[in-house]
Amino acid sequence: MRKFTLFTFVAATSLAASACSEKTQDAAETTADSAANDAAGAADVAGNAAEAVATDAGKAVDNAAAATDEMGDKVSQEAAEVEAGAHNESVSEAKRD
């Protein structure tokens, strides 16, 4: 009788574990799908952020280049004015020299 009880217990436990295993497998599958969706969403956010940073960096470089050009123009103008005063000529003549 003891062997029959043990066999019944093992069979019932196996059956319960099998049913539990299906639920666990379904839950794991749902969790994996959710994690994949979260990762894809995070990748999209990171890509958008990187694109925004690159755009901002490009604008900053353009602004710096424009400021440098403006500064260069001012320096050239001032140099021409100094040369014109030193050579007693017009600024436009000094710029041609």
N, C-alpha and C. Protein backbone atom coordinates (compact mmCIF):
# COMPACT_ATOMS: atom_id res chain seq x y z
N MET A 1 0.81 -1.19 0.00
CA MET A 1 0.00 0.00 0.00
C MET A 1 0.86 1.26 0.00
N ARG A 2 1.94 1.17 0.68
CA ARG A 2 2.83 2.31 0.76
C ARG A 2 3.37 2.68 -0.61
N LYS A 3 3.72 1.71 -1.43
CA LYS A 3 4.25 1.98 -2.75
C LYS A 3 3.18 2.63 -3.63
N PHE A 4 1.93 2.19 -3.48
CA PHE A 4 0.85 2.78 -4.25
C PHE A 4 0.64 4.25 -3.87
N THR A 5 0.70 4.55 -2.59
CA THR A 5 0.53 5.92 -2.11
C THR A 5 1.67 6.79 -2.63
N LEU A 6 2.88 6.26 -2.57
CA LEU A 6 4.04 7.00 -3.07
C LEU A 6 3.91 7.22 -4.57
N PHE A 7 3.48 6.20 -5.31
CA PHE A 7 3.29 6.34 -6.75
C PHE A 7 2.23 7.39 -7.06
N THR A 8 1.13 7.36 -6.32
CA THR A 8 0.04 8.33 -6.52
C THR A 8 0.55 9.75 -6.23
N PHE A 9 1.32 9.89 -5.16
CA PHE A 9 1.87 11.21 -4.79
C PHE A 9 2.80 11.73 -5.89
N VAL A 10 3.67 10.86 -6.39
CA VAL A 10 4.61 11.26 -7.45
C VAL A 10 3.84 11.61 -8.72
N ALA A 11 2.84 10.85 -9.07
CA ALA A 11 2.05 11.13 -10.27
C ALA A 11 1.31 12.45 -10.13
N ALA A 12 0.72 12.70 -8.97
CA ALA A 12 -0.01 13.95 -8.75
C ALA A 12 0.94 15.14 -8.77
N THR A 13 2.10 14.97 -8.16
CA THR A 13 3.10 16.04 -8.14
C THR A 13 3.60 16.33 -9.55
N SER A 14 3.83 15.30 -10.32
CA SER A 14 4.28 15.48 -11.70
C SER A 14 3.22 16.20 -12.53
N LEU A 15 1.97 15.81 -12.34
CA LEU A 15 0.88 16.45 -13.07
C LEU A 15 0.77 17.92 -12.67
N ALA A 16 0.88 18.21 -11.41
CA ALA A 16 0.80 19.59 -10.93
C ALA A 16 1.98 20.40 -11.45
N ALA A 17 3.15 19.80 -11.44
CA ALA A 17 4.34 20.49 -11.94
C ALA A 17 4.22 20.77 -13.43
N SER A 18 3.62 19.83 -14.15
CA SER A 18 3.43 20.01 -15.58
C SER A 18 2.49 21.18 -15.86
N ALA A 19 1.39 21.27 -15.14
CA ALA A 19 0.45 22.37 -15.31
C ALA A 19 1.10 23.69 -14.90
N CYS A 20 1.81 23.67 -13.83
CA CYS A 20 2.51 24.86 -13.36
C CYS A 20 3.56 25.27 -14.37
N SER A 21 4.22 24.31 -14.96
CA SER A 21 5.26 24.59 -15.93
C SER A 21 4.70 25.32 -17.15
N GLU A 22 3.50 24.94 -17.61
CA GLU A 22 2.88 25.63 -18.74
C GLU A 22 2.60 27.07 -18.39
N LYS A 23 2.05 27.30 -17.21
CA LYS A 23 1.78 28.67 -16.77
C LYS A 23 3.08 29.46 -16.66
N THR A 24 4.08 28.83 -16.11
CA THR A 24 5.38 29.50 -15.97
C THR A 24 5.97 29.81 -17.33
N GLN A 25 5.84 28.87 -18.25
CA GLN A 25 6.36 29.09 -19.60
C GLN A 25 5.62 30.24 -20.29
N ASP A 26 4.30 30.28 -20.14
CA ASP A 26 3.52 31.38 -20.73
C ASP A 26 3.93 32.71 -20.11
N ALA A 27 4.10 32.73 -18.81
CA ALA A 27 4.50 33.96 -18.13
C ALA A 27 5.89 34.40 -18.57
N ALA A 28 6.79 33.44 -18.72
CA ALA A 28 8.15 33.76 -19.17
C ALA A 28 8.13 34.30 -20.59
N GLU A 29 7.29 33.73 -21.43
CA GLU A 29 7.17 34.19 -22.82
C GLU A 29 6.63 35.62 -22.86
N THR A 30 5.62 35.89 -22.04
CA THR A 30 5.06 37.24 -21.97
C THR A 30 6.10 38.22 -21.46
N THR A 31 6.85 37.81 -20.46
CA THR A 31 7.90 38.67 -19.92
C THR A 31 8.98 38.95 -20.95
N ALA A 32 9.36 37.93 -21.71
CA ALA A 32 10.37 38.10 -22.74
C ALA A 32 9.88 39.05 -23.83
N ASP A 33 8.62 38.91 -24.23
CA ASP A 33 8.05 39.80 -25.25
C ASP A 33 8.03 41.24 -24.74
N SER A 34 7.64 41.40 -23.49
CA SER A 34 7.60 42.74 -22.90
C SER A 34 8.99 43.35 -22.83
N ALA A 35 9.96 42.54 -22.45
CA ALA A 35 11.35 43.04 -22.38
C ALA A 35 11.87 43.43 -23.75
N ALA A 36 11.52 42.65 -24.76
CA ALA A 36 11.95 42.98 -26.13
C ALA A 36 11.31 44.28 -26.59
N ASN A 37 10.04 44.47 -26.27
CA ASN A 37 9.37 45.73 -26.64
C ASN A 37 9.99 46.91 -25.90
N ASP A 38 10.31 46.72 -24.62
CA ASP A 38 10.95 47.78 -23.84
C ASP A 38 12.32 48.12 -24.42
N ALA A 39 13.07 47.11 -24.80
CA ALA A 39 14.40 47.35 -25.37
C ALA A 39 14.30 48.08 -26.70
N ALA A 40 13.33 47.71 -27.52
CA ALA A 40 13.15 48.40 -28.80
C ALA A 40 12.75 49.85 -28.58
N GLY A 41 11.89 50.08 -27.61
CA GLY A 41 11.49 51.45 -27.29
C GLY A 41 12.65 52.27 -26.78
N ALA A 42 13.47 51.67 -25.93
CA ALA A 42 14.64 52.37 -25.40
C ALA A 42 15.64 52.67 -26.50
N ALA A 43 15.78 51.76 -27.45
CA ALA A 43 16.69 51.99 -28.58
C ALA A 43 16.20 53.16 -29.43
N ASP A 44 14.89 53.24 -29.63
CA ASP A 44 14.33 54.36 -30.39
C ASP A 44 14.58 55.68 -29.67
N VAL A 45 14.36 55.69 -28.37
CA VAL A 45 14.59 56.91 -27.59
C VAL A 45 16.06 57.31 -27.65
N ALA A 46 16.95 56.34 -27.51
CA ALA A 46 18.39 56.64 -27.56
C ALA A 46 18.78 57.15 -28.95
N GLY A 47 18.23 56.55 -29.99
CA GLY A 47 18.52 57.01 -31.35
C GLY A 47 18.04 58.43 -31.58
N ASN A 48 16.84 58.74 -31.09
CA ASN A 48 16.32 60.10 -31.23
C ASN A 48 17.16 61.10 -30.45
N ALA A 49 17.60 60.71 -29.27
CA ALA A 49 18.44 61.60 -28.46
C ALA A 49 19.78 61.83 -29.14
N ALA A 50 20.36 60.80 -29.70
CA ALA A 50 21.64 60.94 -30.39
C ALA A 50 21.49 61.84 -31.61
N GLU A 51 20.39 61.70 -32.32
CA GLU A 51 20.15 62.55 -33.48
C GLU A 51 20.00 64.02 -33.06
N ALA A 52 19.30 64.25 -31.96
CA ALA A 52 19.13 65.62 -31.46
C ALA A 52 20.47 66.22 -31.04
N VAL A 53 21.30 65.42 -30.39
CA VAL A 53 22.63 65.90 -29.99
C VAL A 53 23.47 66.23 -31.21
N ALA A 54 23.42 65.39 -32.21
CA ALA A 54 24.19 65.64 -33.44
C ALA A 54 23.71 66.91 -34.13
N THR A 55 22.41 67.11 -34.16
CA THR A 55 21.85 68.33 -34.77
C THR A 55 22.31 69.56 -34.00
N ASP A 56 22.23 69.50 -32.67
CA ASP A 56 22.67 70.63 -31.84
C ASP A 56 24.16 70.89 -32.01
N ALA A 57 24.94 69.84 -32.09
CA ALA A 57 26.39 69.99 -32.28
C ALA A 57 26.68 70.64 -33.64
N GLY A 58 25.95 70.24 -34.67
CA GLY A 58 26.11 70.83 -35.99
C GLY A 58 25.79 72.32 -35.98
N LYS A 59 24.72 72.68 -35.28
CA LYS A 59 24.35 74.09 -35.17
C LYS A 59 25.43 74.87 -34.43
N ALA A 60 25.98 74.28 -33.37
CA ALA A 60 27.03 74.95 -32.61
C ALA A 60 28.27 75.17 -33.47
N VAL A 61 28.62 74.18 -34.27
CA VAL A 61 29.78 74.32 -35.16
C VAL A 61 29.52 75.42 -36.20
N ASP A 62 28.33 75.43 -36.75
CA ASP A 62 27.98 76.47 -37.73
C ASP A 62 28.04 77.86 -37.09
N ASN A 63 27.53 77.98 -35.88
CA ASN A 63 27.57 79.27 -35.18
C ASN A 63 29.00 79.70 -34.89
N ALA A 64 29.84 78.75 -34.48
CA ALA A 64 31.24 79.07 -34.20
C ALA A 64 31.96 79.50 -35.48
N ALA A 65 31.68 78.83 -36.57
CA ALA A 65 32.31 79.19 -37.85
C ALA A 65 31.87 80.59 -38.28
N ALA A 66 30.60 80.91 -38.10
CA ALA A 66 30.10 82.24 -38.47
C ALA A 66 30.74 83.30 -37.59
N ALA A 67 30.87 83.02 -36.30
CA ALA A 67 31.50 83.98 -35.39
C ALA A 67 32.97 84.18 -35.75
N THR A 68 33.64 83.11 -36.13
CA THR A 68 35.05 83.20 -36.53
C THR A 68 35.19 84.03 -37.81
N ASP A 69 34.29 83.80 -38.77
CA ASP A 69 34.32 84.59 -40.01
C ASP A 69 34.09 86.07 -39.71
N GLU A 70 33.13 86.34 -38.83
CA GLU A 70 32.83 87.73 -38.48
C GLU A 70 34.03 88.39 -37.80
N MET A 71 34.67 87.64 -36.90
CA MET A 71 35.85 88.17 -36.22
C MET A 71 36.98 88.41 -37.21
N GLY A 72 37.15 87.49 -38.14
CA GLY A 72 38.18 87.65 -39.17
C GLY A 72 37.93 88.88 -40.03
N ASP A 73 36.65 89.12 -40.37
CA ASP A 73 36.32 90.31 -41.15
C ASP A 73 36.64 91.59 -40.38
N LYS A 74 36.34 91.59 -39.09
CA LYS A 74 36.63 92.77 -38.26
C LYS A 74 38.14 93.02 -38.17
N VAL A 75 38.89 91.95 -37.99
CA VAL A 75 40.35 92.08 -37.90
C VAL A 75 40.91 92.59 -39.22
N SER A 76 40.42 92.07 -40.32
CA SER A 76 40.87 92.54 -41.63
C SER A 76 40.55 94.02 -41.83
N GLN A 77 39.35 94.43 -41.42
CA GLN A 77 38.94 95.82 -41.55
C GLN A 77 39.84 96.72 -40.70
N GLU A 78 40.08 96.30 -39.45
CA GLU A 78 40.93 97.11 -38.57
C GLU A 78 42.36 97.17 -39.08
N ALA A 79 42.86 96.07 -39.60
CA ALA A 79 44.21 96.06 -40.16
C ALA A 79 44.30 97.01 -41.36
N ALA A 80 43.27 97.01 -42.19
CA ALA A 80 43.26 97.90 -43.35
C ALA A 80 43.20 99.37 -42.91
N GLU A 81 42.44 99.63 -41.84
CA GLU A 81 42.35 100.99 -41.32
C GLU A 81 43.70 101.46 -40.77
N VAL A 82 44.40 100.57 -40.05
CA VAL A 82 45.72 100.92 -39.51
C VAL A 82 46.70 101.17 -40.66
N GLU A 83 46.69 100.30 -41.64
CA GLU A 83 47.60 100.46 -42.78
C GLU A 83 47.29 101.75 -43.55
N ALA A 84 45.99 102.05 -43.72
CA ALA A 84 45.60 103.28 -44.43
C ALA A 84 46.12 104.50 -43.70
N GLY A 85 46.01 104.49 -42.37
CA GLY A 85 46.51 105.62 -41.58
C GLY A 85 48.01 105.74 -41.65
N ALA A 86 48.70 104.59 -41.66
CA ALA A 86 50.16 104.61 -41.69
C ALA A 86 50.69 105.05 -43.04
N HIS A 87 50.01 104.73 -44.11
CA HIS A 87 50.49 105.05 -45.45
C HIS A 87 49.77 106.26 -46.06
N ASN A 88 48.93 106.87 -45.26
CA ASN A 88 48.17 108.04 -45.69
C ASN A 88 47.41 107.73 -46.99
N GLU A 89 46.61 106.63 -46.92
CA GLU A 89 45.80 106.23 -48.06
C GLU A 89 44.41 105.84 -47.58
N SER A 90 43.51 105.60 -48.49
CA SER A 90 42.15 105.20 -48.11
C SER A 90 42.16 103.74 -47.65
N VAL A 91 41.12 103.37 -46.93
CA VAL A 91 40.98 101.98 -46.46
C VAL A 91 40.86 101.04 -47.63
N SER A 92 40.09 101.41 -48.65
CA SER A 92 39.93 100.54 -49.82
C SER A 92 41.27 100.34 -50.53
N GLU A 93 42.13 101.39 -50.55
CA GLU A 93 43.47 101.22 -51.15
C GLU A 93 44.31 100.27 -50.30
N ALA A 94 44.19 100.40 -48.99
CA ALA A 94 44.96 99.53 -48.10
C ALA A 94 44.52 98.09 -48.25
N LYS A 95 43.23 97.86 -48.46
CA LYS A 95 42.72 96.48 -48.64
C LYS A 95 43.24 95.86 -49.93
N ARG A 96 43.47 96.67 -50.94
CA ARG A 96 43.97 96.15 -52.21
C ARG A 96 45.45 95.77 -52.12
N ASP A 97 46.18 96.41 -51.23
CA ASP A 97 47.64 96.17 -51.11
C ASP A 97 47.94 94.78 -50.70
